[in-house]
Amino acid sequence: MAGVIGLRGPDIEKRDILQGYGVTFEDADRPYVRPHTGLPVLTVGDGGPSVSRHVFGFSRRFSSFNARAENLESGKIWSRMFGKEGHHGVAPVSYILEWGDVGQGKQPFRIERADGAAMCVPALVGAYWEDRAEQAFSLVTIEPNRFVAFFHDRMIGQLHDEDVDVWLHPQDHAIGRLRACLAAPPEDELVAYPLRDDVGKARFDDADALAAVGPAVTWKDVSNGAGEAT
């Protein structure tokens, strides 16, 4: 889950809550963000909000780019970060690539918000194990809503506008309030665009490879029997 994500810079401008922090998301056009590549992540420290490049995943020695929500308090790594000041961030993500079958055989899809704005994905942040001078992040994953369940058995968390600041200030909130930030979004908030089969082999900067090869699949499409959940 969340092995390949991407970010289109203009999508950040469509999300007012991100613009409200008065920070600049540099190097924000990232068509393919794979583990151990970088993404600009929003954090809040003593000097206020800031954005800096974070490595996707904490170490090459083990899988550490997804933090399962149910393990945040018990996981050896995640429990040191979840709810702790300085260890929460928000990663802007335009889309995630998943394979699914909605009636025409398995194929890759680009799952994104229907309004084209960036998702505000809850992240845990800390030092990159291979170079502690760098910062790293992991995306929090949750049980999927019914739409995403047609493509995968997990999904990345997506913060509502009112939850972004809560997540960025974990020290000011109870664990229950932080967990409430991880509720799945409504099914009709997302759409999935079919892509060509070799999309996963494209270069990291090849945005053209992500062009849709058909119309968006919506919750209405799949709920009306366009396919069966994988």
C-alpha atoms as a PDB file:
ATOM      1  CA  MET A   1       0.000   0.000   0.000  1.00  0.00           C
ATOM      2  CA  ALA A   2       1.181   3.527  -0.814  1.00  0.00           C
ATOM      3  CA  GLY A   3       4.313   2.222  -2.513  1.00  0.00           C
ATOM      4  CA  VAL A   4       4.027   4.782  -5.336  1.00  0.00           C
ATOM      5  CA  ILE A   5       2.448   8.185  -4.845  1.00  0.00           C
ATOM      6  CA  GLY A   6       2.729  11.444  -6.755  1.00  0.00           C
ATOM      7  CA  LEU A   7       2.326  15.181  -6.351  1.00  0.00           C
ATOM      8  CA  ARG A   8       1.352  17.905  -8.802  1.00  0.00           C
ATOM      9  CA  GLY A   9       2.411  21.316  -7.529  1.00  0.00           C
ATOM     10  CA  PRO A  10      -0.749  23.171  -8.635  1.00  0.00           C
ATOM     11  CA  ASP A  11      -2.887  20.753  -6.600  1.00  0.00           C
ATOM     12  CA  ILE A  12      -1.491  22.289  -3.410  1.00  0.00           C
ATOM     13  CA  GLU A  13      -2.845  25.667  -4.472  1.00  0.00           C
ATOM     14  CA  LYS A  14      -6.324  24.121  -4.716  1.00  0.00           C
ATOM     15  CA  ARG A  15      -6.259  23.143  -1.028  1.00  0.00           C
ATOM     16  CA  ASP A  16      -6.934  26.309   0.949  1.00  0.00           C
ATOM     17  CA  ILE A  17      -5.948  24.773   4.284  1.00  0.00           C
ATOM     18  CA  LEU A  18      -2.397  24.216   3.017  1.00  0.00           C
ATOM     19  CA  GLN A  19      -2.167  27.715   1.596  1.00  0.00           C
ATOM     20  CA  GLY A  20      -3.227  29.089   4.959  1.00  0.00           C
ATOM     21  CA  TYR A  21       0.072  28.144   6.595  1.00  0.00           C
ATOM     22  CA  GLY A  22       1.912  30.734   4.513  1.00  0.00           C
ATOM     23  CA  VAL A  23       4.700  28.379   3.497  1.00  0.00           C
ATOM     24  CA  THR A  24       6.166  27.516   0.112  1.00  0.00           C
ATOM     25  CA  PHE A  25       6.158  23.938  -1.140  1.00  0.00           C
ATOM     26  CA  GLU A  26       9.323  23.858  -3.238  1.00  0.00           C
ATOM     27  CA  ASP A  27      10.124  21.039  -5.667  1.00  0.00           C
ATOM     28  CA  ALA A  28       6.458  20.079  -5.541  1.00  0.00           C
ATOM     29  CA  ASP A  29       6.085  18.539  -9.005  1.00  0.00           C
ATOM     30  CA  ARG A  30       6.905  14.937  -8.198  1.00  0.00           C
ATOM     31  CA  PRO A  31       5.169  12.568 -10.672  1.00  0.00           C
ATOM     32  CA  TYR A  32       6.546   9.416  -9.020  1.00  0.00           C
ATOM     33  CA  VAL A  33       7.439   9.322  -5.354  1.00  0.00           C
ATOM     34  CA  ARG A  34       8.740   5.850  -4.562  1.00  0.00           C
ATOM     35  CA  PRO A  35      10.280   4.685  -1.279  1.00  0.00           C
ATOM     36  CA  HIS A  36      13.515   6.528  -0.438  1.00  0.00           C
ATOM     37  CA  THR A  37      12.849   9.404  -2.809  1.00  0.00           C
ATOM     38  CA  GLY A  38      11.754  12.807  -1.534  1.00  0.00           C
ATOM     39  CA  LEU A  39       8.585  14.821  -0.979  1.00  0.00           C
ATOM     40  CA  PRO A  40       8.002  18.253   0.608  1.00  0.00           C
ATOM     41  CA  VAL A  41       6.303  17.728   3.984  1.00  0.00           C
ATOM     42  CA  LEU A  42       4.632  20.329   6.203  1.00  0.00           C
ATOM     43  CA  THR A  43       5.619  20.340   9.883  1.00  0.00           C
ATOM     44  CA  VAL A  44       5.250  22.753  12.798  1.00  0.00           C
ATOM     45  CA  GLY A  45       8.109  23.507  15.181  1.00  0.00           C
ATOM     46  CA  ASP A  46       9.196  26.210  17.605  1.00  0.00           C
ATOM     47  CA  GLY A  47       9.633  28.591  14.693  1.00  0.00           C
ATOM     48  CA  GLY A  48       6.160  27.915  13.313  1.00  0.00           C
ATOM     49  CA  PRO A  49       5.137  26.007  10.184  1.00  0.00           C
ATOM     50  CA  SER A  50       7.759  25.007   7.642  1.00  0.00           C
ATOM     51  CA  VAL A  51       8.143  22.768   4.623  1.00  0.00           C
ATOM     52  CA  SER A  52      11.214  20.711   3.812  1.00  0.00           C
ATOM     53  CA  ARG A  53      12.168  17.686   1.753  1.00  0.00           C
ATOM     54  CA  HIS A  54      11.647  14.401   3.593  1.00  0.00           C
ATOM     55  CA  VAL A  55      12.707  10.938   2.458  1.00  0.00           C
ATOM     56  CA  PHE A  56       9.803   8.520   1.913  1.00  0.00           C
ATOM     57  CA  GLY A  57      10.546   5.781   4.463  1.00  0.00           C
ATOM     58  CA  PHE A  58      12.885   5.702   7.451  1.00  0.00           C
ATOM     59  CA  SER A  59      15.337   2.994   6.407  1.00  0.00           C
ATOM     60  CA  ARG A  60      16.300   0.798   3.473  1.00  0.00           C
ATOM     61  CA  ARG A  61      16.793  -2.103   5.862  1.00  0.00           C
ATOM     62  CA  PHE A  62      13.088  -2.718   6.395  1.00  0.00           C
ATOM     63  CA  SER A  63       9.716  -1.525   5.132  1.00  0.00           C
ATOM     64  CA  SER A  64       9.030   1.781   6.847  1.00  0.00           C
ATOM     65  CA  PHE A  65       7.117   3.979   4.422  1.00  0.00           C
ATOM     66  CA  ASN A  66       3.650   3.029   5.711  1.00  0.00           C
ATOM     67  CA  ALA A  67       2.545   3.263   9.335  1.00  0.00           C
ATOM     68  CA  ARG A  68      -0.588   1.208   9.938  1.00  0.00           C
ATOM     69  CA  ALA A  69      -3.049   3.157  12.076  1.00  0.00           C
ATOM     70  CA  GLU A  70      -3.767   0.166  14.322  1.00  0.00           C
ATOM     71  CA  ASN A  71      -0.040  -0.092  15.191  1.00  0.00           C
ATOM     72  CA  LEU A  72       0.627   3.558  16.032  1.00  0.00           C
ATOM     73  CA  GLU A  73       0.627   2.992  19.792  1.00  0.00           C
ATOM     74  CA  SER A  74       2.144  -0.493  19.827  1.00  0.00           C
ATOM     75  CA  GLY A  75       4.654  -0.477  16.967  1.00  0.00           C
ATOM     76  CA  LYS A  76       8.280  -0.243  18.064  1.00  0.00           C
ATOM     77  CA  ILE A  77       8.992   2.644  15.681  1.00  0.00           C
ATOM     78  CA  TRP A  78       5.601   4.345  15.481  1.00  0.00           C
ATOM     79  CA  SER A  79       4.937   4.509  19.217  1.00  0.00           C
ATOM     80  CA  ARG A  80       8.004   6.742  19.593  1.00  0.00           C
ATOM     81  CA  MET A  81       6.468   9.253  17.188  1.00  0.00           C
ATOM     82  CA  PHE A  82       2.685   9.055  17.373  1.00  0.00           C
ATOM     83  CA  GLY A  83       1.295  11.774  19.608  1.00  0.00           C
ATOM     84  CA  LYS A  84       4.754  13.239  20.173  1.00  0.00           C
ATOM     85  CA  GLU A  85       5.647  16.859  19.524  1.00  0.00           C
ATOM     86  CA  GLY A  86       7.890  17.278  16.492  1.00  0.00           C
ATOM     87  CA  HIS A  87       6.981  13.928  14.974  1.00  0.00           C
ATOM     88  CA  HIS A  88       3.754  14.683  13.113  1.00  0.00           C
ATOM     89  CA  GLY A  89       3.630  16.100   9.600  1.00  0.00           C
ATOM     90  CA  VAL A  90       1.283  16.504   6.659  1.00  0.00           C
ATOM     91  CA  ALA A  91       2.311  15.191   3.261  1.00  0.00           C
ATOM     92  CA  PRO A  92       0.543  16.705   0.236  1.00  0.00           C
ATOM     93  CA  VAL A  93      -0.285  13.879  -2.169  1.00  0.00           C
ATOM     94  CA  SER A  94      -2.109  14.238  -5.479  1.00  0.00           C
ATOM     95  CA  TYR A  95      -2.616  10.547  -6.197  1.00  0.00           C
ATOM     96  CA  ILE A  96      -1.674   7.004  -5.397  1.00  0.00           C
ATOM     97  CA  LEU A  97      -1.223   4.225  -7.942  1.00  0.00           C
ATOM     98  CA  GLU A  98      -3.120   0.993  -7.361  1.00  0.00           C
ATOM     99  CA  TRP A  99      -4.245  -1.982  -9.442  1.00  0.00           C
ATOM    100  CA  GLY A 100      -7.880  -2.959  -9.537  1.00  0.00           C
ATOM    101  CA  ASP A 101     -10.575  -4.730 -11.516  1.00  0.00           C
ATOM    102  CA  VAL A 102     -13.755  -2.766 -12.111  1.00  0.00           C
ATOM    103  CA  GLY A 103     -15.094  -5.070 -14.789  1.00  0.00           C
ATOM    104  CA  GLN A 104     -12.433  -5.101 -17.517  1.00  0.00           C
ATOM    105  CA  GLY A 105      -9.644  -7.088 -15.865  1.00  0.00           C
ATOM    106  CA  LYS A 106      -6.905  -5.845 -13.571  1.00  0.00           C
ATOM    107  CA  GLN A 107      -5.240  -2.619 -14.584  1.00  0.00           C
ATOM    108  CA  PRO A 108      -3.468   0.295 -12.883  1.00  0.00           C
ATOM    109  CA  PHE A 109      -5.417   3.302 -11.652  1.00  0.00           C
ATOM    110  CA  ARG A 110      -4.516   6.769 -10.445  1.00  0.00           C
ATOM    111  CA  ILE A 111      -6.673   7.382  -7.380  1.00  0.00           C
ATOM    112  CA  GLU A 112      -7.128  11.028  -6.433  1.00  0.00           C
ATOM    113  CA  ARG A 113      -9.594  13.563  -5.083  1.00  0.00           C
ATOM    114  CA  ALA A 114     -12.510  14.320  -7.378  1.00  0.00           C
ATOM    115  CA  ASP A 115     -11.921  18.070  -6.976  1.00  0.00           C
ATOM    116  CA  GLY A 116      -8.282  17.800  -8.089  1.00  0.00           C
ATOM    117  CA  ALA A 117      -6.887  19.231  -4.854  1.00  0.00           C
ATOM    118  CA  ALA A 118      -4.009  17.675  -2.955  1.00  0.00           C
ATOM    119  CA  MET A 119      -4.816  15.169  -0.229  1.00  0.00           C
ATOM    120  CA  CYS A 120      -3.552  16.146   3.218  1.00  0.00           C
ATOM    121  CA  VAL A 121      -2.059  12.843   4.325  1.00  0.00           C
ATOM    122  CA  PRO A 122      -1.149  12.324   8.000  1.00  0.00           C
ATOM    123  CA  ALA A 123       2.534  11.484   8.330  1.00  0.00           C
ATOM    124  CA  LEU A 124       4.988  10.566  11.041  1.00  0.00           C
ATOM    125  CA  VAL A 125       8.358  12.284  10.713  1.00  0.00           C
ATOM    126  CA  GLY A 126      11.833  11.803  12.150  1.00  0.00           C
ATOM    127  CA  ALA A 127      15.476  11.226  11.273  1.00  0.00           C
ATOM    128  CA  TYR A 128      16.356   9.095   8.258  1.00  0.00           C
ATOM    129  CA  TRP A 129      18.230   6.100   9.625  1.00  0.00           C
ATOM    130  CA  GLU A 130      20.791   5.976   6.810  1.00  0.00           C
ATOM    131  CA  ASP A 131      21.671   9.663   7.213  1.00  0.00           C
ATOM    132  CA  ARG A 132      20.377  11.320  10.365  1.00  0.00           C
ATOM    133  CA  ALA A 133      21.082  14.745   8.932  1.00  0.00           C
ATOM    134  CA  GLU A 134      18.046  14.118   6.702  1.00  0.00           C
ATOM    135  CA  GLN A 135      14.398  13.936   7.721  1.00  0.00           C
ATOM    136  CA  ALA A 136      12.128  11.062   6.715  1.00  0.00           C
ATOM    137  CA  PHE A 137       8.404  10.379   6.773  1.00  0.00           C
ATOM    138  CA  SER A 138       5.917   7.548   6.726  1.00  0.00           C
ATOM    139  CA  LEU A 139       2.306   7.824   5.589  1.00  0.00           C
ATOM    140  CA  VAL A 140      -0.371   6.625   7.991  1.00  0.00           C
ATOM    141  CA  THR A 141      -2.567   3.975   6.374  1.00  0.00           C
ATOM    142  CA  ILE A 142      -6.085   3.035   7.422  1.00  0.00           C
ATOM    143  CA  GLU A 143      -8.863   0.606   6.530  1.00  0.00           C
ATOM    144  CA  PRO A 144     -10.217   1.606   3.116  1.00  0.00           C
ATOM    145  CA  ASN A 145     -13.558   3.181   2.454  1.00  0.00           C
ATOM    146  CA  ARG A 146     -15.838   1.190   0.175  1.00  0.00           C
ATOM    147  CA  PHE A 147     -14.579   2.893  -2.979  1.00  0.00           C
ATOM    148  CA  VAL A 148     -10.881   2.274  -2.386  1.00  0.00           C
ATOM    149  CA  ALA A 149     -11.681  -1.305  -1.328  1.00  0.00           C
ATOM    150  CA  PHE A 150     -12.278  -2.052  -5.010  1.00  0.00           C
ATOM    151  CA  PHE A 151      -8.569  -1.435  -5.577  1.00  0.00           C
ATOM    152  CA  HIS A 152      -6.765  -2.294  -2.334  1.00  0.00           C
ATOM    153  CA  ASP A 153      -7.352  -3.506   1.215  1.00  0.00           C
ATOM    154  CA  ARG A 154      -5.680  -0.384   2.695  1.00  0.00           C
ATOM    155  CA  MET A 155      -5.678   3.328   1.947  1.00  0.00           C
ATOM    156  CA  ILE A 156      -3.656   6.343   3.000  1.00  0.00           C
ATOM    157  CA  GLY A 157      -5.271   8.512   5.637  1.00  0.00           C
ATOM    158  CA  GLN A 158      -6.709  11.818   4.472  1.00  0.00           C
ATOM    159  CA  LEU A 159      -7.182  14.686   6.884  1.00  0.00           C
ATOM    160  CA  HIS A 160     -10.256  16.887   6.735  1.00  0.00           C
ATOM    161  CA  ASP A 161      -9.448  20.607   6.828  1.00  0.00           C
ATOM    162  CA  GLU A 162     -10.456  20.904  10.479  1.00  0.00           C
ATOM    163  CA  ASP A 163      -8.107  18.060  11.415  1.00  0.00           C
ATOM    164  CA  VAL A 164      -4.916  19.322   9.774  1.00  0.00           C
ATOM    165  CA  ASP A 165      -3.895  21.633  12.601  1.00  0.00           C
ATOM    166  CA  VAL A 166      -4.912  19.047  15.195  1.00  0.00           C
ATOM    167  CA  TRP A 167      -2.598  16.492  13.607  1.00  0.00           C
ATOM    168  CA  LEU A 168       0.261  19.006  13.402  1.00  0.00           C
ATOM    169  CA  HIS A 169      -0.008  19.769  17.152  1.00  0.00           C
ATOM    170  CA  PRO A 170      -0.303  16.288  18.712  1.00  0.00           C
ATOM    171  CA  GLN A 171       0.986  17.472  22.100  1.00  0.00           C
ATOM    172  CA  ASP A 172      -2.152  19.590  22.510  1.00  0.00           C
ATOM    173  CA  HIS A 173      -4.667  16.797  21.963  1.00  0.00           C
ATOM    174  CA  ALA A 174      -5.719  13.490  23.461  1.00  0.00           C
ATOM    175  CA  ILE A 175      -4.895  10.278  21.616  1.00  0.00           C
ATOM    176  CA  GLY A 176      -8.579   9.754  20.933  1.00  0.00           C
ATOM    177  CA  ARG A 177      -8.788  13.105  19.125  1.00  0.00           C
ATOM    178  CA  LEU A 178      -5.714  12.258  17.041  1.00  0.00           C
ATOM    179  CA  ARG A 179      -7.219   8.911  16.107  1.00  0.00           C
ATOM    180  CA  ALA A 180     -10.420  10.653  15.064  1.00  0.00           C
ATOM    181  CA  CYS A 181      -8.333  12.446  12.423  1.00  0.00           C
ATOM    182  CA  LEU A 182      -7.792   9.081  10.732  1.00  0.00           C
ATOM    183  CA  ALA A 183     -11.381   8.421   9.683  1.00  0.00           C
ATOM    184  CA  ALA A 184     -11.758   7.397   6.030  1.00  0.00           C
ATOM    185  CA  PRO A 185     -13.085  10.058   3.638  1.00  0.00           C
ATOM    186  CA  PRO A 186     -16.515   9.746   1.990  1.00  0.00           C
ATOM    187  CA  GLU A 187     -16.614   7.325  -0.953  1.00  0.00           C
ATOM    188  CA  ASP A 188     -17.574  10.013  -3.471  1.00  0.00           C
ATOM    189  CA  GLU A 189     -14.630  12.237  -2.533  1.00  0.00           C
ATOM    190  CA  LEU A 190     -12.297  10.101  -4.671  1.00  0.00           C
ATOM    191  CA  VAL A 191     -12.116   8.971  -8.295  1.00  0.00           C
ATOM    192  CA  ALA A 192      -9.835   6.534 -10.130  1.00  0.00           C
ATOM    193  CA  TYR A 193      -8.398   7.104 -13.607  1.00  0.00           C
ATOM    194  CA  PRO A 194      -7.333   4.038 -15.630  1.00  0.00           C
ATOM    195  CA  LEU A 195      -3.716   4.086 -16.810  1.00  0.00           C
ATOM    196  CA  ARG A 196      -1.615   2.143 -19.292  1.00  0.00           C
ATOM    197  CA  ASP A 197      -0.250  -1.184 -18.067  1.00  0.00           C
ATOM    198  CA  ASP A 198       3.426  -0.172 -18.036  1.00  0.00           C
ATOM    199  CA  VAL A 199       2.930   2.948 -15.905  1.00  0.00           C
ATOM    200  CA  GLY A 200       4.949   1.451 -13.065  1.00  0.00           C
ATOM    201  CA  LYS A 201       8.071   1.228 -15.241  1.00  0.00           C
ATOM    202  CA  ALA A 202       8.205   4.921 -16.112  1.00  0.00           C
ATOM    203  CA  ARG A 203      10.995   7.287 -15.117  1.00  0.00           C
ATOM    204  CA  PHE A 204      10.552   9.258 -11.910  1.00  0.00           C
ATOM    205  CA  ASP A 205       9.943  12.491 -13.845  1.00  0.00           C
ATOM    206  CA  ASP A 206       7.755  11.094 -16.642  1.00  0.00           C
ATOM    207  CA  ALA A 207       4.428  12.792 -15.942  1.00  0.00           C
ATOM    208  CA  ASP A 208       3.148  11.860 -19.415  1.00  0.00           C
ATOM    209  CA  ALA A 209       3.156   8.194 -18.434  1.00  0.00           C
ATOM    210  CA  LEU A 210       0.418   8.986 -15.925  1.00  0.00           C
ATOM    211  CA  ALA A 211      -2.053  10.233 -18.522  1.00  0.00           C
ATOM    212  CA  ALA A 212      -5.467   8.608 -18.185  1.00  0.00           C
ATOM    213  CA  VAL A 213      -6.503   6.166 -20.905  1.00  0.00           C
ATOM    214  CA  GLY A 214     -10.196   6.415 -20.079  1.00  0.00           C
ATOM    215  CA  PRO A 215     -12.758   8.370 -18.047  1.00  0.00           C
ATOM    216  CA  ALA A 216     -12.670   8.524 -14.276  1.00  0.00           C
ATOM    217  CA  VAL A 217     -14.242   5.648 -12.370  1.00  0.00           C
ATOM    218  CA  THR A 218     -16.451   6.999  -9.585  1.00  0.00           C
ATOM    219  CA  TRP A 219     -18.111   5.570  -6.496  1.00  0.00           C
ATOM    220  CA  LYS A 220     -21.389   5.602  -8.390  1.00  0.00           C
ATOM    221  CA  ASP A 221     -19.818   3.432 -11.095  1.00  0.00           C
ATOM    222  CA  VAL A 222     -18.520   0.741  -8.758  1.00  0.00           C
ATOM    223  CA  SER A 223     -21.503   0.812  -6.400  1.00  0.00           C
ATOM    224  CA  ASN A 224     -23.769   0.167  -9.380  1.00  0.00           C
ATOM    225  CA  GLY A 225     -21.930  -3.077 -10.081  1.00  0.00           C
ATOM    226  CA  ALA A 226     -19.182  -2.033 -12.481  1.00  0.00           C
ATOM    227  CA  GLY A 227     -16.820  -4.417 -10.728  1.00  0.00           C
ATOM    228  CA  GLU A 228     -16.146  -6.607  -7.736  1.00  0.00           C
ATOM    229  CA  ALA A 229     -13.794  -5.674  -4.922  1.00  0.00           C
ATOM    230  CA  THR A 230     -10.386  -7.309  -5.212  1.00  0.00           C
END
